[in-house]
């Protein structure tokens, strides 16, 4: 949850800086939504895994 709060308070404002002047069309809204879901939220909520001995194991910072 801390990563999501950081995203909402830091990253989202940077991406949408000066968006009051944008002429929002459906395509721009879709592109922003895809960017948010694909790049940001997937990295926060989907656990990273790697293949170890034929099985997927969650990766941790302390395991190499």
Protein backbone atom coordinates (compact mmCIF):
# COMPACT_ATOMS: atom_id res chain seq x y z
CA UNK A 1 0.00 0.00 0.00
CA UNK A 2 2.93 2.34 0.60
CA UNK A 3 4.04 2.02 -3.03
CA UNK A 4 0.53 2.90 -4.22
CA UNK A 5 0.43 5.98 -1.98
CA UNK A 6 3.83 7.02 -3.31
CA UNK A 7 2.56 6.55 -6.86
CA UNK A 8 -0.53 8.67 -6.19
CA UNK A 9 1.42 11.45 -4.52
CA UNK A 10 4.54 11.62 -6.72
CA UNK A 11 4.31 9.84 -10.08
CA UNK A 12 0.74 10.62 -11.10
CA UNK A 13 1.16 14.41 -10.67
CA UNK A 14 4.33 14.33 -12.77
CA UNK A 15 2.60 12.42 -15.57
CA UNK A 16 -0.44 14.69 -15.55
CA UNK A 17 1.45 17.97 -15.11
CA UNK A 18 -0.39 20.84 -16.81
CA UNK A 19 -3.19 18.51 -17.93
CA UNK A 20 -5.67 21.35 -17.43
CA UNK A 21 -4.50 22.67 -20.81
CA UNK A 22 -4.83 19.33 -22.60
CA UNK A 23 -7.76 18.78 -24.87
CA UNK A 24 -8.69 15.35 -23.60
CA UNK A 25 -9.98 13.00 -26.21
CA UNK A 26 -10.95 9.39 -25.74
CA UNK A 27 -7.65 8.17 -27.21
CA UNK A 28 -5.56 10.23 -24.77
CA UNK A 29 -7.61 9.02 -21.81
CA UNK A 30 -7.15 5.41 -22.99
CA UNK A 31 -3.40 5.87 -23.41
CA UNK A 32 -3.06 7.30 -19.89
CA UNK A 33 -5.12 4.46 -18.47
CA UNK A 34 -3.04 1.83 -20.28
CA UNK A 35 0.19 3.49 -19.08
CA UNK A 36 -1.07 3.48 -15.52
CA UNK A 37 -2.24 -0.15 -15.55
CA UNK A 38 0.56 -1.66 -17.61
CA UNK A 39 3.60 0.13 -16.27
CA UNK A 40 2.77 1.34 -12.79
CA UNK A 41 0.07 -0.74 -11.14
CA UNK A 42 1.34 -4.05 -12.53
CA UNK A 43 4.77 -3.32 -11.07
CA UNK A 44 3.23 -2.54 -7.69
CA UNK A 45 0.67 -5.32 -7.31
CA UNK A 46 1.89 -8.28 -9.41
CA UNK A 47 4.65 -10.23 -7.65
CA UNK A 48 7.78 -10.76 -9.66
CA UNK A 49 8.73 -14.40 -10.30
CA UNK A 50 11.53 -16.26 -12.00
CA UNK A 51 11.97 -19.83 -13.20
CA UNK A 52 13.98 -21.98 -10.78
CA UNK A 53 14.34 -25.72 -11.44
CA UNK A 54 11.20 -25.80 -13.59
CA UNK A 55 9.04 -23.95 -11.06
CA UNK A 56 8.22 -20.29 -10.67
CA UNK A 57 9.59 -18.83 -7.45
CA UNK A 58 8.94 -15.31 -6.17
CA UNK A 59 12.00 -13.12 -6.42
CA UNK A 60 13.18 -11.15 -3.45
CA UNK A 61 15.83 -8.49 -3.19
CA UNK A 62 18.04 -10.68 -1.01
CA UNK A 63 17.91 -13.78 -3.28
CA UNK A 64 20.02 -13.70 -6.42
